[in-house]
């Protein structure tokens, strides 16, 4: 699939280079990793060696000095090859961005070089059993105890905690002026006393495992706090907007992989003396999927550009729209690909059946499509809140 003409030559070259890396691994590699209950360590290491994992991080800390635009291209192309790296959404995009923008010099020196070269990873913990991703209802609290912080609470559906060196936890502290709770971000090392994890059994076939976290009076030093205690949502959304953009990239990669499989099959499979792709009942839905993928990618590119240009407000709207559009395009592309292949679409040979579950993830996480519609109706259209 050709890269959009709106992209620079550098971006097109990046796409081609990442596509070549992805092709060396492909869907069979990722399927084998999942079957063996492993992690895509070889692909992660190769991507790191080529500078892909830290492309969005500052050059002075070993990164590429680029932005979310470049990072989203990398994730999309790996996904299109059938071997996406979900931890790219979490470690460099969310955690790396937040630390690069708001961390202290010591935090940046401690974490950014490792995040950039792939030798260290971070997970991100926001979702809670009774709050989802609603930062106003998060019950994980942080209180001061001398110079330390004490964290207490629970998180669910947190990806990759088993392989992460630390987790960036969203907690809430009390505002001394108003008495209200406000979100704050804390770096919690994986071996911190009182920090426990329990794997959640998922039908989703992915190398990244999901966990419930329990923080039982976890004591952290003062420098575990990332950024200003009073910045609240500003710092949180510095990580959530890249998360939405990268989720869109993840979805688009998966959609492109599924569509490519379906198109190849429709060209070769013949019934009644002609390839099935010659029939409009097959060709038109695939063409529509292609259109939806391209439109979603344009919104993702807009969101990435706005974010990289420092327009957080504009990026927030575009990132939500991109995630919404890409998730829908992905679900439809996977469904149509399976339908195009018929019974073959459910075989392990073509690697599409497992995507039926995986494609739905982006409709649910990191924020549901209904909450995006709430955001757009309220923030973009000015309609009264329903929540």
Protein backbone atom coordinates (compact mmCIF):
# COMPACT_ATOMS: atom_id res chain seq x y z
CA UNK A 1 0.00 0.00 0.00
CA UNK A 2 1.51 3.30 -1.04
CA UNK A 3 2.37 5.94 1.56
CA UNK A 4 0.24 9.10 1.43
CA UNK A 5 1.60 11.82 -0.85
CA UNK A 6 1.08 14.31 1.99
CA UNK A 7 4.04 12.81 3.84
CA UNK A 8 7.56 14.10 3.52
CA UNK A 9 10.23 12.09 1.74
CA UNK A 10 11.77 11.36 5.14
CA UNK A 11 8.49 9.91 6.39
CA UNK A 12 8.06 7.82 3.27
CA UNK A 13 11.61 6.50 3.65
CA UNK A 14 10.89 5.68 7.29
CA UNK A 15 7.77 3.75 6.27
CA UNK A 16 9.73 1.73 3.75
CA UNK A 17 12.52 0.93 6.20
CA UNK A 18 10.13 -0.15 8.97
CA UNK A 19 8.07 -2.20 6.52
CA UNK A 20 11.24 -4.07 5.57
CA UNK A 21 11.94 -4.81 9.24
CA UNK A 22 8.36 -5.95 9.80
CA UNK A 23 8.52 -8.23 6.77
CA UNK A 24 11.53 -10.03 8.26
CA UNK A 25 9.36 -11.01 11.24
CA UNK A 26 5.71 -11.02 10.12
CA UNK A 27 2.61 -12.61 11.52
CA UNK A 28 4.16 -16.07 11.92
CA UNK A 29 6.75 -14.68 14.31
CA UNK A 30 4.15 -12.98 16.49
CA UNK A 31 1.93 -16.07 16.46
CA UNK A 32 4.88 -18.19 17.63
CA UNK A 33 5.68 -15.74 20.43
CA UNK A 34 2.08 -15.84 21.67
CA UNK A 35 1.97 -19.64 21.48
CA UNK A 36 5.17 -19.92 23.52
CA UNK A 37 3.90 -17.41 26.12
CA UNK A 38 6.90 -15.23 25.34
CA UNK A 39 7.60 -11.66 24.37
CA UNK A 40 8.77 -10.24 21.02
CA UNK A 41 12.24 -9.57 22.40
CA UNK A 42 14.08 -10.05 19.10
CA UNK A 43 11.88 -7.60 17.21
CA UNK A 44 12.02 -5.13 20.11
CA UNK A 45 15.83 -5.33 20.11
CA UNK A 46 16.09 -4.86 16.35
CA UNK A 47 13.69 -1.91 16.41
CA UNK A 48 15.74 -0.38 19.22
CA UNK A 49 19.01 -0.87 17.33
CA UNK A 50 17.58 1.00 14.36
CA UNK A 51 16.51 3.89 16.61
CA UNK A 52 12.80 3.29 16.13
CA UNK A 53 11.73 2.91 19.77
CA UNK A 54 13.04 6.32 20.84
CA UNK A 55 12.39 8.26 17.65
CA UNK A 56 10.09 10.66 19.53
CA UNK A 57 12.44 11.27 22.48
CA UNK A 58 14.97 14.13 22.78
CA UNK A 59 18.32 13.64 21.08
CA UNK A 60 20.24 14.66 24.20
CA UNK A 61 18.93 11.52 25.91
CA UNK A 62 19.62 9.15 23.02
CA UNK A 63 16.35 9.64 21.19
CA UNK A 64 15.73 10.57 17.58
CA UNK A 65 14.45 14.08 18.26
CA UNK A 66 11.30 13.40 16.25
CA UNK A 67 7.72 13.26 17.39
CA UNK A 68 4.57 11.19 17.64
CA UNK A 69 4.20 11.49 13.86
CA UNK A 70 7.32 9.37 13.36
CA UNK A 71 6.52 6.96 16.19
CA UNK A 72 3.02 6.33 14.82
CA UNK A 73 4.44 5.53 11.37
CA UNK A 74 6.69 2.89 12.93
CA UNK A 75 3.89 1.21 14.86
CA UNK A 76 1.53 1.30 11.88
CA UNK A 77 4.05 -0.29 9.52
CA UNK A 78 4.99 -3.03 12.00
CA UNK A 79 1.29 -3.76 12.41
CA UNK A 80 0.75 -3.85 8.66
CA UNK A 81 3.45 -6.53 8.52
CA UNK A 82 1.56 -8.53 11.17
CA UNK A 83 3.97 -7.87 14.04
CA UNK A 84 2.92 -4.79 16.03
CA UNK A 85 4.64 -3.82 19.28
CA UNK A 86 1.94 -2.76 21.72
CA UNK A 87 4.47 -1.61 24.31
CA UNK A 88 5.44 1.20 21.92
CA UNK A 89 2.11 2.79 22.83
CA UNK A 90 2.95 2.66 26.51
CA UNK A 91 6.69 2.97 27.03
CA UNK A 92 8.02 5.64 24.60
CA UNK A 93 4.70 7.28 23.63
CA UNK A 94 3.02 7.76 27.01
CA UNK A 95 5.71 7.40 29.64
CA UNK A 96 8.59 8.75 27.56
CA UNK A 97 6.58 11.77 26.47
CA UNK A 98 5.43 12.63 30.00
CA UNK A 99 8.93 12.35 31.45
CA UNK A 100 10.47 14.30 28.56
CA UNK A 101 7.94 17.12 28.99
CA UNK A 102 7.51 17.28 32.73
CA UNK A 103 10.15 15.15 34.44
CA UNK A 104 13.06 16.52 36.42
CA UNK A 105 16.56 16.43 34.95
CA UNK A 106 17.34 13.46 37.20
CA UNK A 107 14.22 11.57 36.03
CA UNK A 108 15.06 12.28 32.41
CA UNK A 109 18.64 11.08 32.81
CA UNK A 110 17.47 7.98 34.67
CA UNK A 111 14.73 6.89 32.26
CA UNK A 112 14.90 8.43 28.81
CA UNK A 113 18.15 6.83 27.53
CA UNK A 114 16.87 3.38 28.47
CA UNK A 115 13.43 3.99 26.97
CA UNK A 116 15.11 5.25 23.81
CA UNK A 117 17.45 2.28 23.33
CA UNK A 118 14.88 -0.29 24.45
CA UNK A 119 16.89 -1.53 27.42
CA UNK A 120 14.22 -0.27 29.84
CA UNK A 121 10.45 -0.22 29.57
CA UNK A 122 7.66 1.39 31.53
CA UNK A 123 4.01 0.43 31.90
CA UNK A 124 1.19 2.91 32.45
CA UNK A 125 -1.48 2.49 35.11
CA UNK A 126 -4.65 4.57 34.94
CA UNK A 127 -7.67 2.24 34.54
CA UNK A 128 -9.49 1.20 37.70
CA UNK A 129 -12.28 -1.32 38.40
CA UNK A 130 -14.88 1.32 39.24
CA UNK A 131 -13.58 4.29 37.28
CA UNK A 132 -12.32 3.01 33.93
CA UNK A 133 -10.16 5.83 32.62
CA UNK A 134 -12.26 8.58 34.22
CA UNK A 135 -9.57 10.61 35.97
CA UNK A 136 -12.22 12.33 38.10
CA UNK A 137 -13.26 9.04 39.71
CA UNK A 138 -9.86 7.46 40.24
CA UNK A 139 -9.59 6.25 43.83
CA UNK A 140 -5.86 5.45 43.94
CA UNK A 141 -4.64 8.08 46.36
CA UNK A 142 -1.26 9.47 47.31
CA UNK A 143 -0.65 11.13 50.65
CA UNK A 144 2.47 12.70 52.06
CA UNK A 145 4.37 11.13 54.92
CA UNK A 146 7.29 13.40 55.68
CA UNK A 147 9.27 13.65 52.45
CA UNK A 148 7.76 10.42 51.09
CA UNK A 149 4.56 9.58 49.25
CA UNK A 150 2.27 6.69 50.24
CA UNK A 151 0.17 5.19 47.40
CA UNK A 152 -2.90 3.03 47.95
CA UNK A 153 -5.31 1.69 45.35
CA UNK A 154 -6.04 -0.77 42.54
CA UNK A 155 -5.62 -0.78 38.76
CA UNK A 156 -6.89 -3.20 36.11
CA UNK A 157 -6.05 -4.10 32.51
CA UNK A 158 -2.52 -2.75 32.75
CA UNK A 159 -0.34 -4.01 29.89
CA UNK A 160 3.18 -5.37 30.18
CA UNK A 161 3.74 -4.91 33.90
CA UNK A 162 5.62 -8.23 34.02
CA UNK A 163 8.35 -6.93 31.71
CA UNK A 164 8.36 -3.27 32.76
CA UNK A 165 11.06 -1.84 35.02
CA UNK A 166 8.49 0.53 36.51
CA UNK A 167 4.90 1.63 36.08
CA UNK A 168 3.78 5.24 35.71
CA UNK A 169 0.80 5.26 38.06
CA UNK A 170 -1.99 7.83 37.94
CA UNK A 171 -3.01 8.64 41.50
CA UNK A 172 -4.78 11.56 43.14
CA UNK A 173 -3.55 13.97 45.75
CA UNK A 174 -5.51 16.44 47.82
CA UNK A 175 -5.42 20.07 46.77
CA UNK A 176 -4.55 22.06 49.91
CA UNK A 177 -6.59 25.05 48.73
CA UNK A 178 -9.84 23.33 47.73
CA UNK A 179 -9.66 19.96 49.46
CA UNK A 180 -10.49 18.30 46.13
CA UNK A 181 -8.49 15.45 44.67
CA UNK A 182 -6.41 16.05 41.54
CA UNK A 183 -4.53 13.59 39.31
CA UNK A 184 -0.77 13.18 39.70
CA UNK A 185 1.76 10.81 38.16
CA UNK A 186 4.19 8.59 40.09
CA UNK A 187 6.99 6.27 38.98
CA UNK A 188 6.56 2.99 40.87
CA UNK A 189 9.46 0.49 40.54
CA UNK A 190 8.35 -3.07 39.84
CA UNK A 191 9.94 -4.35 43.07
CA UNK A 192 8.49 -1.67 45.36
CA UNK A 193 7.20 -3.22 48.63
CA UNK A 194 3.41 -3.37 48.62
CA UNK A 195 3.20 -3.28 44.80
CA UNK A 196 1.59 -6.55 43.66
CA UNK A 197 0.37 -7.75 40.28
CA UNK A 198 -2.06 -10.51 39.27
CA UNK A 199 -2.43 -11.66 35.69
CA UNK A 200 -5.88 -11.40 34.12
CA UNK A 201 -6.74 -14.32 31.82
CA UNK A 202 -7.75 -12.90 28.46
CA UNK A 203 -9.24 -14.39 25.28
CA UNK A 204 -7.09 -11.85 23.46
CA UNK A 205 -4.08 -13.50 21.80
CA UNK A 206 -1.23 -11.06 22.29
CA UNK A 207 2.27 -11.29 23.75
CA UNK A 208 1.56 -8.39 26.11
CA UNK A 209 -0.17 -9.74 29.20
CA UNK A 210 -2.82 -7.85 31.19
CA UNK A 211 -2.66 -7.36 34.94
CA UNK A 212 -4.54 -6.18 37.99
CA UNK A 213 -2.32 -4.10 40.26
CA UNK A 214 -2.67 -3.65 43.99
CA UNK A 215 -0.86 -0.80 45.71
CA UNK A 216 -0.91 -1.45 49.44
CA UNK A 217 0.68 1.48 51.25
CA UNK A 218 3.47 1.69 48.67
CA UNK A 219 6.11 4.08 50.00
CA UNK A 220 7.88 6.20 47.37
CA UNK A 221 10.54 8.90 47.67
CA UNK A 222 9.66 12.51 46.90
CA UNK A 223 11.30 12.27 43.48
CA UNK A 224 8.85 9.57 42.36
CA UNK A 225 6.39 12.35 41.54
CA UNK A 226 6.62 13.34 37.86
CA UNK A 227 6.04 17.02 37.17
CA UNK A 228 4.23 19.62 39.19
CA UNK A 229 1.86 18.41 41.88
CA UNK A 230 -0.58 21.16 40.87
CA UNK A 231 -0.52 20.63 37.08
CA UNK A 232 -3.23 17.96 37.23
CA UNK A 233 -4.92 17.13 33.95
CA UNK A 234 -2.40 19.03 31.82
CA UNK A 235 0.32 16.49 32.54
CA UNK A 236 -2.03 13.53 32.33
CA UNK A 237 -3.27 14.44 28.86
CA UNK A 238 0.30 14.99 27.70
CA UNK A 239 0.41 11.19 27.84
CA UNK A 240 -3.19 10.35 26.91
CA UNK A 241 -3.20 12.22 23.59
CA UNK A 242 -0.16 10.29 22.27
CA UNK A 243 -1.81 7.12 23.57
CA UNK A 244 -4.88 7.76 21.43
CA UNK A 245 -2.77 8.58 18.36
CA UNK A 246 -0.68 5.46 18.80
CA UNK A 247 -3.81 3.34 19.36
CA UNK A 248 -5.02 4.65 16.01
CA UNK A 249 -1.70 3.60 14.45
CA UNK A 250 -2.01 0.15 16.04
CA UNK A 251 -5.53 -0.22 14.60
CA UNK A 252 -4.54 1.00 11.15
CA UNK A 253 -1.65 -1.45 10.99
CA UNK A 254 -3.94 -4.34 11.89
CA UNK A 255 -6.56 -3.17 9.39
CA UNK A 256 -3.99 -2.95 6.61
CA UNK A 257 -2.68 -6.42 7.38
CA UNK A 258 -6.18 -7.90 7.23
CA UNK A 259 -7.09 -6.02 4.06
CA UNK A 260 -3.87 -7.10 2.32
CA UNK A 261 -4.61 -10.73 3.14
CA UNK A 262 -8.14 -10.41 1.77
CA UNK A 263 -7.06 -8.64 -1.42
CA UNK A 264 -4.37 -11.21 -2.17
CA UNK A 265 -6.85 -14.03 -1.64
CA UNK A 266 -9.54 -12.34 -3.76
CA UNK A 267 -7.08 -12.04 -6.65
CA UNK A 268 -6.10 -15.72 -6.57
CA UNK A 269 -9.22 -17.59 -5.50
CA UNK A 270 -11.30 -18.43 -8.58
CA UNK A 271 -14.94 -19.48 -8.70
CA UNK A 272 -16.93 -19.79 -11.92
CA UNK A 273 -13.81 -19.19 -14.00
CA UNK A 274 -12.89 -15.77 -12.57
CA UNK A 275 -11.21 -14.52 -9.39
CA UNK A 276 -13.71 -13.74 -6.66
CA UNK A 277 -12.28 -10.22 -6.51
CA UNK A 278 -13.96 -9.55 -9.86
CA UNK A 279 -17.35 -9.74 -8.15
CA UNK A 280 -18.64 -6.47 -6.71
CA UNK A 281 -19.98 -8.23 -3.62
CA UNK A 282 -16.35 -8.94 -2.75
CA UNK A 283 -14.62 -5.96 -4.36
CA UNK A 284 -16.81 -3.13 -3.07
CA UNK A 285 -16.56 -3.90 0.67
CA UNK A 286 -12.78 -4.23 0.33
CA UNK A 287 -12.63 -0.92 -1.53
CA UNK A 288 -14.72 0.69 1.19
CA UNK A 289 -12.34 -0.64 3.83
CA UNK A 290 -9.43 0.88 1.96
CA UNK A 291 -11.21 4.26 1.89
CA UNK A 292 -11.99 4.10 5.62
CA UNK A 293 -8.39 3.21 6.46
CA UNK A 294 -7.04 6.11 4.40
CA UNK A 295 -9.47 8.59 5.97
CA UNK A 296 -8.62 7.42 9.49
CA UNK A 297 -4.92 7.74 8.72
CA UNK A 298 -5.39 11.34 7.59
CA UNK A 299 -6.99 12.20 10.94
CA UNK A 300 -4.19 10.39 12.76
CA UNK A 301 -1.61 12.41 10.83
CA UNK A 302 -3.47 15.61 11.68
CA UNK A 303 -3.54 14.68 15.38
CA UNK A 304 0.17 13.83 15.39
CA UNK A 305 1.06 17.07 13.64
CA UNK A 306 -0.99 19.16 16.07
CA UNK A 307 0.53 17.38 19.04
CA UNK A 308 4.09 17.69 17.78
CA UNK A 309 3.46 21.40 17.08
CA UNK A 310 2.44 21.91 20.72
CA UNK A 311 -1.30 22.40 20.16
CA UNK A 312 -2.54 20.19 23.00
CA UNK A 313 -6.16 21.35 22.72
CA UNK A 314 -6.40 20.76 18.99
CA UNK A 315 -4.53 17.48 19.30
CA UNK A 316 -6.97 16.27 21.94
CA UNK A 317 -9.94 16.58 19.60
CA UNK A 318 -8.11 15.12 16.60
CA UNK A 319 -6.55 12.28 18.61
CA UNK A 320 -9.95 11.16 19.87
CA UNK A 321 -11.43 11.34 16.38
CA UNK A 322 -8.48 9.43 14.91
CA UNK A 323 -8.76 6.69 17.51
CA UNK A 324 -12.52 6.42 16.90
CA UNK A 325 -12.19 6.27 13.10
CA UNK A 326 -9.23 3.89 13.09
CA UNK A 327 -10.90 1.48 15.53
CA UNK A 328 -14.04 1.31 13.40
CA UNK A 329 -12.00 0.91 10.21
CA UNK A 330 -10.05 -1.93 11.83
CA UNK A 331 -13.09 -3.87 13.02
CA UNK A 332 -14.72 -3.59 9.59
CA UNK A 333 -11.55 -4.52 7.72
CA UNK A 334 -10.94 -7.62 9.82
CA UNK A 335 -14.57 -8.71 9.56
CA UNK A 336 -14.59 -8.24 5.79
CA UNK A 337 -11.25 -10.03 5.41
CA UNK A 338 -12.53 -13.07 7.31
CA UNK A 339 -15.74 -13.02 5.28
CA UNK A 340 -13.78 -12.78 2.01
CA UNK A 341 -11.75 -15.87 2.85
CA UNK A 342 -14.79 -17.79 4.08
CA UNK A 343 -13.74 -20.90 5.98
CA UNK A 344 -10.10 -20.11 5.30
CA UNK A 345 -10.55 -16.89 7.27
CA UNK A 346 -10.88 -18.99 10.42
CA UNK A 347 -7.78 -21.09 9.85
CA UNK A 348 -4.42 -20.53 11.53
CA UNK A 349 -2.75 -20.45 8.11
CA UNK A 350 -4.00 -16.96 7.30
CA UNK A 351 -3.75 -15.48 10.80
CA UNK A 352 -7.04 -13.58 10.65
CA UNK A 353 -9.28 -15.34 13.15
CA UNK A 354 -7.32 -14.14 16.18
CA UNK A 355 -7.73 -10.57 14.93
CA UNK A 356 -11.50 -10.77 15.40
CA UNK A 357 -10.97 -10.30 19.14
CA UNK A 358 -7.88 -8.08 18.81
CA UNK A 359 -9.60 -5.65 16.44
CA UNK A 360 -12.27 -4.86 19.02
CA UNK A 361 -9.77 -3.76 21.64
CA UNK A 362 -9.39 -0.26 20.19
CA UNK A 363 -13.16 0.26 20.33
CA UNK A 364 -12.95 -0.32 24.07
CA UNK A 365 -9.49 0.88 25.13
CA UNK A 366 -7.88 3.14 26.10
CA UNK A 367 -11.20 4.98 26.00
CA UNK A 368 -14.54 3.70 24.73
CA UNK A 369 -16.08 5.01 21.54
CA UNK A 370 -19.04 6.26 23.60
CA UNK A 371 -16.77 8.46 25.71
CA UNK A 372 -15.21 9.83 22.54
CA UNK A 373 -18.68 10.71 21.28
CA UNK A 374 -19.33 12.40 24.64
CA UNK A 375 -16.11 14.39 24.20
CA UNK A 376 -16.90 15.46 20.64
CA UNK A 377 -20.54 16.33 21.36
CA UNK A 378 -19.55 18.43 24.38
CA UNK A 379 -16.14 19.86 23.43
CA UNK A 380 -16.51 20.16 19.66
CA UNK A 381 -20.21 20.80 19.21
CA UNK A 382 -20.90 22.65 22.46
CA UNK A 383 -23.79 20.39 23.45
CA UNK A 384 -24.62 20.05 27.16
CA UNK A 385 -22.91 17.28 29.11
CA UNK A 386 -24.75 14.01 29.61
CA UNK A 387 -22.38 12.84 32.35
